[in-house]
Amino acid sequence: MHDSPSLQAECERIINSLQPGETEKTHLDRHVPTCWNSDFAWLKAHFQFKDAIQILMQKEELGLNSYALTRSQWKLAEHLVPLLEVFGLDFHYMQHEPDSYLAL
C-alpha cells in the first residue's frame, strides 16, 4: 500500500470518512522486517482502522480481495497485539532506564 500513492490516498480517504477528526493518525504503519517492533505498530494500526481496511479490501477495482484477513487471522492478531505490547514496553524501559533494569 505504501508503494502506491493512489491506494494510500484511497485508504486515507476511507479512514477520514469513517473517523473524521477523531485522530490525527490517518495512515497505516509500515511493516519493516528489520525493525522488530514494526509488527506491533502495524497490527495496532490495523485494529485502529479495521473498518476502513475491510472496506478497502472489498473494493473489487483495487484487486486486494486476496489480501484480506480472515476472521481467524483477525482473531490471532487480536491476541498478538497485547503480547507484542509487553515486549515493546520492556524494550522501551531497557532503552531509557538501563541501570535500573539491570539492577532487577
N, C-alpha and C. Protein backbone atom coordinates (compact mmCIF):
# COMPACT_ATOMS: atom_id res chain seq x y z
N MET A 1 0.82 -1.18 0.00
CA MET A 1 0.00 0.00 0.00
C MET A 1 0.87 1.26 0.00
N HIS A 2 1.97 1.24 0.73
CA HIS A 2 2.83 2.41 0.82
C HIS A 2 3.53 2.71 -0.50
N ASP A 3 3.60 1.70 -1.39
CA ASP A 3 4.26 1.90 -2.67
C ASP A 3 3.31 2.43 -3.74
N SER A 4 2.03 2.55 -3.40
CA SER A 4 1.04 3.03 -4.35
C SER A 4 0.37 4.30 -3.81
N PRO A 5 0.73 5.45 -4.35
CA PRO A 5 0.13 6.70 -3.87
C PRO A 5 -1.39 6.71 -4.00
N SER A 6 -1.92 6.16 -5.08
CA SER A 6 -3.38 6.17 -5.26
C SER A 6 -4.07 5.27 -4.24
N LEU A 7 -3.47 4.13 -3.95
CA LEU A 7 -4.04 3.21 -2.95
C LEU A 7 -3.95 3.81 -1.55
N GLN A 8 -2.84 4.43 -1.26
CA GLN A 8 -2.67 5.08 0.04
C GLN A 8 -3.67 6.23 0.20
N ALA A 9 -3.87 7.00 -0.85
CA ALA A 9 -4.83 8.11 -0.80
C ALA A 9 -6.25 7.59 -0.59
N GLU A 10 -6.60 6.50 -1.24
CA GLU A 10 -7.93 5.90 -1.07
C GLU A 10 -8.12 5.41 0.36
N CYS A 11 -7.11 4.79 0.91
CA CYS A 11 -7.18 4.31 2.30
C CYS A 11 -7.38 5.49 3.25
N GLU A 12 -6.62 6.55 3.06
CA GLU A 12 -6.74 7.72 3.92
C GLU A 12 -8.11 8.39 3.76
N ARG A 13 -8.66 8.37 2.53
CA ARG A 13 -9.99 8.94 2.29
C ARG A 13 -11.04 8.15 3.06
N ILE A 14 -10.94 6.82 3.04
CA ILE A 14 -11.89 5.97 3.76
C ILE A 14 -11.74 6.19 5.27
N ILE A 15 -10.52 6.23 5.75
CA ILE A 15 -10.28 6.45 7.19
C ILE A 15 -10.91 7.77 7.62
N ASN A 16 -10.68 8.83 6.85
CA ASN A 16 -11.22 10.14 7.21
C ASN A 16 -12.74 10.18 7.14
N SER A 17 -13.33 9.40 6.24
CA SER A 17 -14.78 9.39 6.14
C SER A 17 -15.42 8.62 7.30
N LEU A 18 -14.70 7.63 7.82
CA LEU A 18 -15.23 6.83 8.94
C LEU A 18 -14.94 7.46 10.29
N GLN A 19 -13.82 8.15 10.41
CA GLN A 19 -13.39 8.71 11.69
C GLN A 19 -12.98 10.17 11.53
N PRO A 20 -13.90 11.02 11.06
CA PRO A 20 -13.49 12.41 10.82
C PRO A 20 -13.11 13.12 12.12
N GLY A 21 -11.87 13.59 12.16
CA GLY A 21 -11.41 14.37 13.29
C GLY A 21 -11.18 13.61 14.58
N GLU A 22 -11.39 12.29 14.60
CA GLU A 22 -11.21 11.51 15.83
C GLU A 22 -9.75 11.31 16.18
N THR A 23 -8.90 11.29 15.19
CA THR A 23 -7.50 11.03 15.42
C THR A 23 -6.65 11.78 14.42
N GLU A 24 -5.44 12.11 14.81
CA GLU A 24 -4.51 12.75 13.88
C GLU A 24 -3.91 11.71 12.94
N LYS A 25 -3.93 10.47 13.35
CA LYS A 25 -3.36 9.40 12.55
C LYS A 25 -4.30 9.08 11.39
N THR A 26 -3.77 9.10 10.18
CA THR A 26 -4.60 8.84 9.00
C THR A 26 -4.01 7.78 8.08
N HIS A 27 -3.02 7.07 8.56
CA HIS A 27 -2.39 6.07 7.69
C HIS A 27 -1.94 4.86 8.51
N LEU A 28 -1.71 3.78 7.80
CA LEU A 28 -1.22 2.55 8.42
C LEU A 28 0.29 2.63 8.59
N ASP A 29 0.76 2.04 9.66
CA ASP A 29 2.20 1.96 9.84
C ASP A 29 2.78 0.96 8.85
N ARG A 30 4.01 1.17 8.52
CA ARG A 30 4.70 0.29 7.57
C ARG A 30 5.33 -0.88 8.31
N HIS A 31 5.19 -2.07 7.75
CA HIS A 31 5.86 -3.25 8.30
C HIS A 31 7.30 -3.24 7.78
N VAL A 32 8.26 -3.25 8.71
CA VAL A 32 9.68 -3.22 8.35
C VAL A 32 10.33 -4.48 8.90
N PRO A 33 10.70 -5.42 8.04
CA PRO A 33 11.24 -6.70 8.51
C PRO A 33 12.45 -6.59 9.43
N THR A 34 13.25 -5.55 9.26
CA THR A 34 14.46 -5.41 10.08
C THR A 34 14.22 -4.64 11.38
N CYS A 35 13.00 -4.22 11.61
CA CYS A 35 12.66 -3.48 12.82
C CYS A 35 11.61 -4.28 13.59
N TRP A 36 12.03 -4.95 14.67
CA TRP A 36 11.17 -5.92 15.36
C TRP A 36 9.87 -5.32 15.85
N ASN A 37 9.85 -4.08 16.30
CA ASN A 37 8.62 -3.53 16.85
C ASN A 37 7.68 -2.97 15.79
N SER A 38 8.06 -3.06 14.52
CA SER A 38 7.15 -2.60 13.47
C SER A 38 5.94 -3.52 13.37
N ASP A 39 6.09 -4.78 13.76
CA ASP A 39 4.94 -5.70 13.75
C ASP A 39 3.86 -5.20 14.71
N PHE A 40 4.28 -4.75 15.87
CA PHE A 40 3.34 -4.24 16.85
C PHE A 40 2.63 -2.99 16.32
N ALA A 41 3.39 -2.03 15.81
CA ALA A 41 2.80 -0.80 15.28
C ALA A 41 1.87 -1.09 14.11
N TRP A 42 2.27 -2.01 13.25
CA TRP A 42 1.49 -2.39 12.08
C TRP A 42 0.16 -3.03 12.50
N LEU A 43 0.22 -3.99 13.41
CA LEU A 43 -1.00 -4.65 13.87
C LEU A 43 -1.92 -3.69 14.64
N LYS A 44 -1.32 -2.88 15.48
CA LYS A 44 -2.11 -1.93 16.26
C LYS A 44 -2.86 -0.96 15.34
N ALA A 45 -2.19 -0.47 14.32
CA ALA A 45 -2.83 0.43 13.35
C ALA A 45 -3.94 -0.28 12.59
N HIS A 46 -3.72 -1.56 12.26
CA HIS A 46 -4.76 -2.32 11.56
C HIS A 46 -6.02 -2.46 12.41
N PHE A 47 -5.86 -2.61 13.70
CA PHE A 47 -7.04 -2.68 14.57
C PHE A 47 -7.69 -1.31 14.69
N GLN A 48 -6.90 -0.27 14.75
CA GLN A 48 -7.44 1.08 14.84
C GLN A 48 -8.29 1.40 13.60
N PHE A 49 -7.86 0.92 12.44
CA PHE A 49 -8.53 1.22 11.18
C PHE A 49 -9.19 -0.02 10.56
N LYS A 50 -9.60 -0.96 11.38
CA LYS A 50 -10.15 -2.23 10.89
C LYS A 50 -11.30 -2.03 9.91
N ASP A 51 -12.26 -1.17 10.24
CA ASP A 51 -13.40 -0.94 9.35
C ASP A 51 -12.96 -0.40 8.00
N ALA A 52 -12.04 0.56 8.02
CA ALA A 52 -11.54 1.15 6.77
C ALA A 52 -10.80 0.11 5.94
N ILE A 53 -10.02 -0.72 6.59
CA ILE A 53 -9.26 -1.75 5.88
C ILE A 53 -10.21 -2.75 5.22
N GLN A 54 -11.24 -3.15 5.94
CA GLN A 54 -12.19 -4.11 5.39
C GLN A 54 -12.93 -3.52 4.19
N ILE A 55 -13.28 -2.23 4.25
CA ILE A 55 -13.92 -1.58 3.11
C ILE A 55 -12.96 -1.53 1.93
N LEU A 56 -11.73 -1.17 2.19
CA LEU A 56 -10.72 -1.08 1.14
C LEU A 56 -10.50 -2.44 0.46
N MET A 57 -10.43 -3.50 1.25
CA MET A 57 -10.20 -4.83 0.70
C MET A 57 -11.36 -5.33 -0.14
N GLN A 58 -12.55 -4.83 0.12
CA GLN A 58 -13.74 -5.29 -0.62
C GLN A 58 -13.93 -4.58 -1.95
N LYS A 59 -13.20 -3.53 -2.19
CA LYS A 59 -13.33 -2.79 -3.45
C LYS A 59 -12.70 -3.61 -4.57
N GLU A 60 -13.57 -4.19 -5.40
CA GLU A 60 -13.11 -5.10 -6.45
C GLU A 60 -12.13 -4.45 -7.42
N GLU A 61 -12.36 -3.17 -7.71
CA GLU A 61 -11.50 -2.48 -8.69
C GLU A 61 -10.05 -2.34 -8.21
N LEU A 62 -9.83 -2.50 -6.92
CA LEU A 62 -8.47 -2.40 -6.38
C LEU A 62 -7.73 -3.74 -6.42
N GLY A 63 -8.48 -4.82 -6.52
CA GLY A 63 -7.86 -6.15 -6.63
C GLY A 63 -7.15 -6.62 -5.37
N LEU A 64 -7.66 -6.23 -4.21
CA LEU A 64 -7.00 -6.58 -2.94
C LEU A 64 -7.69 -7.71 -2.19
N ASN A 65 -8.74 -8.27 -2.74
CA ASN A 65 -9.54 -9.29 -2.05
C ASN A 65 -8.70 -10.43 -1.50
N SER A 66 -7.70 -10.86 -2.24
CA SER A 66 -6.90 -12.00 -1.80
C SER A 66 -5.99 -11.66 -0.61
N TYR A 67 -5.83 -10.37 -0.31
CA TYR A 67 -5.00 -9.95 0.82
C TYR A 67 -5.80 -9.71 2.10
N ALA A 68 -7.11 -9.79 2.00
CA ALA A 68 -7.96 -9.53 3.17
C ALA A 68 -7.75 -10.60 4.23
N LEU A 69 -7.70 -10.17 5.49
CA LEU A 69 -7.56 -11.13 6.59
C LEU A 69 -8.87 -11.86 6.82
N THR A 70 -8.76 -13.13 7.16
CA THR A 70 -9.94 -13.92 7.50
C THR A 70 -10.30 -13.62 8.96
N ARG A 71 -11.46 -14.11 9.38
CA ARG A 71 -11.86 -13.93 10.78
C ARG A 71 -10.84 -14.52 11.74
N SER A 72 -10.35 -15.70 11.42
CA SER A 72 -9.39 -16.34 12.31
C SER A 72 -8.06 -15.58 12.35
N GLN A 73 -7.67 -14.96 11.24
CA GLN A 73 -6.44 -14.16 11.22
C GLN A 73 -6.61 -12.88 12.05
N TRP A 74 -7.79 -12.25 11.98
CA TRP A 74 -8.06 -11.09 12.82
C TRP A 74 -8.01 -11.49 14.29
N LYS A 75 -8.58 -12.65 14.60
CA LYS A 75 -8.61 -13.14 15.99
C LYS A 75 -7.18 -13.39 16.49
N LEU A 76 -6.37 -14.02 15.66
CA LEU A 76 -4.97 -14.28 16.03
C LEU A 76 -4.23 -12.96 16.27
N ALA A 77 -4.43 -12.02 15.39
CA ALA A 77 -3.78 -10.72 15.54
C ALA A 77 -4.24 -10.03 16.82
N GLU A 78 -5.51 -10.21 17.14
CA GLU A 78 -6.06 -9.62 18.37
C GLU A 78 -5.33 -10.14 19.61
N HIS A 79 -4.92 -11.40 19.57
CA HIS A 79 -4.18 -12.00 20.69
C HIS A 79 -2.71 -11.58 20.68
N LEU A 80 -2.17 -11.30 19.49
CA LEU A 80 -0.75 -10.94 19.38
C LEU A 80 -0.46 -9.51 19.86
N VAL A 81 -1.36 -8.59 19.63
CA VAL A 81 -1.11 -7.18 19.95
C VAL A 81 -0.72 -6.99 21.42
N PRO A 82 -1.48 -7.53 22.39
CA PRO A 82 -1.07 -7.33 23.78
C PRO A 82 0.28 -7.97 24.12
N LEU A 83 0.58 -9.10 23.49
CA LEU A 83 1.87 -9.75 23.74
C LEU A 83 3.02 -8.90 23.21
N LEU A 84 2.85 -8.37 22.01
CA LEU A 84 3.90 -7.53 21.43
C LEU A 84 4.02 -6.22 22.20
N GLU A 85 2.92 -5.74 22.74
CA GLU A 85 2.97 -4.51 23.53
C GLU A 85 3.82 -4.69 24.78
N VAL A 86 3.71 -5.84 25.42
CA VAL A 86 4.52 -6.12 26.61
C VAL A 86 6.00 -6.09 26.26
N PHE A 87 6.37 -6.71 25.16
CA PHE A 87 7.77 -6.69 24.75
C PHE A 87 8.22 -5.27 24.43
N GLY A 88 7.34 -4.48 23.81
CA GLY A 88 7.67 -3.10 23.48
C GLY A 88 7.90 -2.26 24.72
N LEU A 89 7.06 -2.44 25.73
CA LEU A 89 7.23 -1.70 26.98
C LEU A 89 8.52 -2.09 27.67
N ASP A 90 8.82 -3.38 27.68
CA ASP A 90 10.03 -3.88 28.30
C ASP A 90 11.26 -3.30 27.60
N PHE A 91 11.24 -3.34 26.28
CA PHE A 91 12.37 -2.82 25.50
C PHE A 91 12.53 -1.32 25.71
N HIS A 92 11.40 -0.60 25.73
CA HIS A 92 11.44 0.85 25.95
C HIS A 92 12.06 1.16 27.31
N TYR A 93 11.68 0.40 28.32
CA TYR A 93 12.21 0.59 29.66
C TYR A 93 13.72 0.33 29.69
N MET A 94 14.14 -0.74 29.02
CA MET A 94 15.57 -1.06 28.96
C MET A 94 16.35 0.04 28.26
N GLN A 95 15.77 0.63 27.23
CA GLN A 95 16.45 1.67 26.48
C GLN A 95 16.63 2.94 27.30
N HIS A 96 15.61 3.29 28.08
CA HIS A 96 15.62 4.57 28.77
C HIS A 96 16.08 4.49 30.23
N GLU A 97 16.06 3.32 30.81
CA GLU A 97 16.48 3.14 32.20
C GLU A 97 17.37 1.89 32.33
N PRO A 98 18.46 1.82 31.57
CA PRO A 98 19.26 0.59 31.55
C PRO A 98 19.82 0.20 32.92
N ASP A 99 20.26 1.15 33.71
CA ASP A 99 20.83 0.81 35.02
C ASP A 99 19.79 0.25 35.96
N SER A 100 18.60 0.83 35.95
CA SER A 100 17.51 0.34 36.81
C SER A 100 17.10 -1.05 36.38
N TYR A 101 17.08 -1.29 35.08
CA TYR A 101 16.64 -2.59 34.57
C TYR A 101 17.64 -3.67 34.97
N LEU A 102 18.92 -3.37 34.88
CA LEU A 102 19.94 -4.36 35.23
C LEU A 102 19.96 -4.65 36.73
N ALA A 103 19.53 -3.70 37.53
CA ALA A 103 19.50 -3.91 38.99
C ALA A 103 18.43 -4.90 39.40
N LEU A 104 17.41 -5.09 38.52
CA LEU A 104 16.36 -6.04 38.85
C LEU A 104 16.92 -7.42 38.83
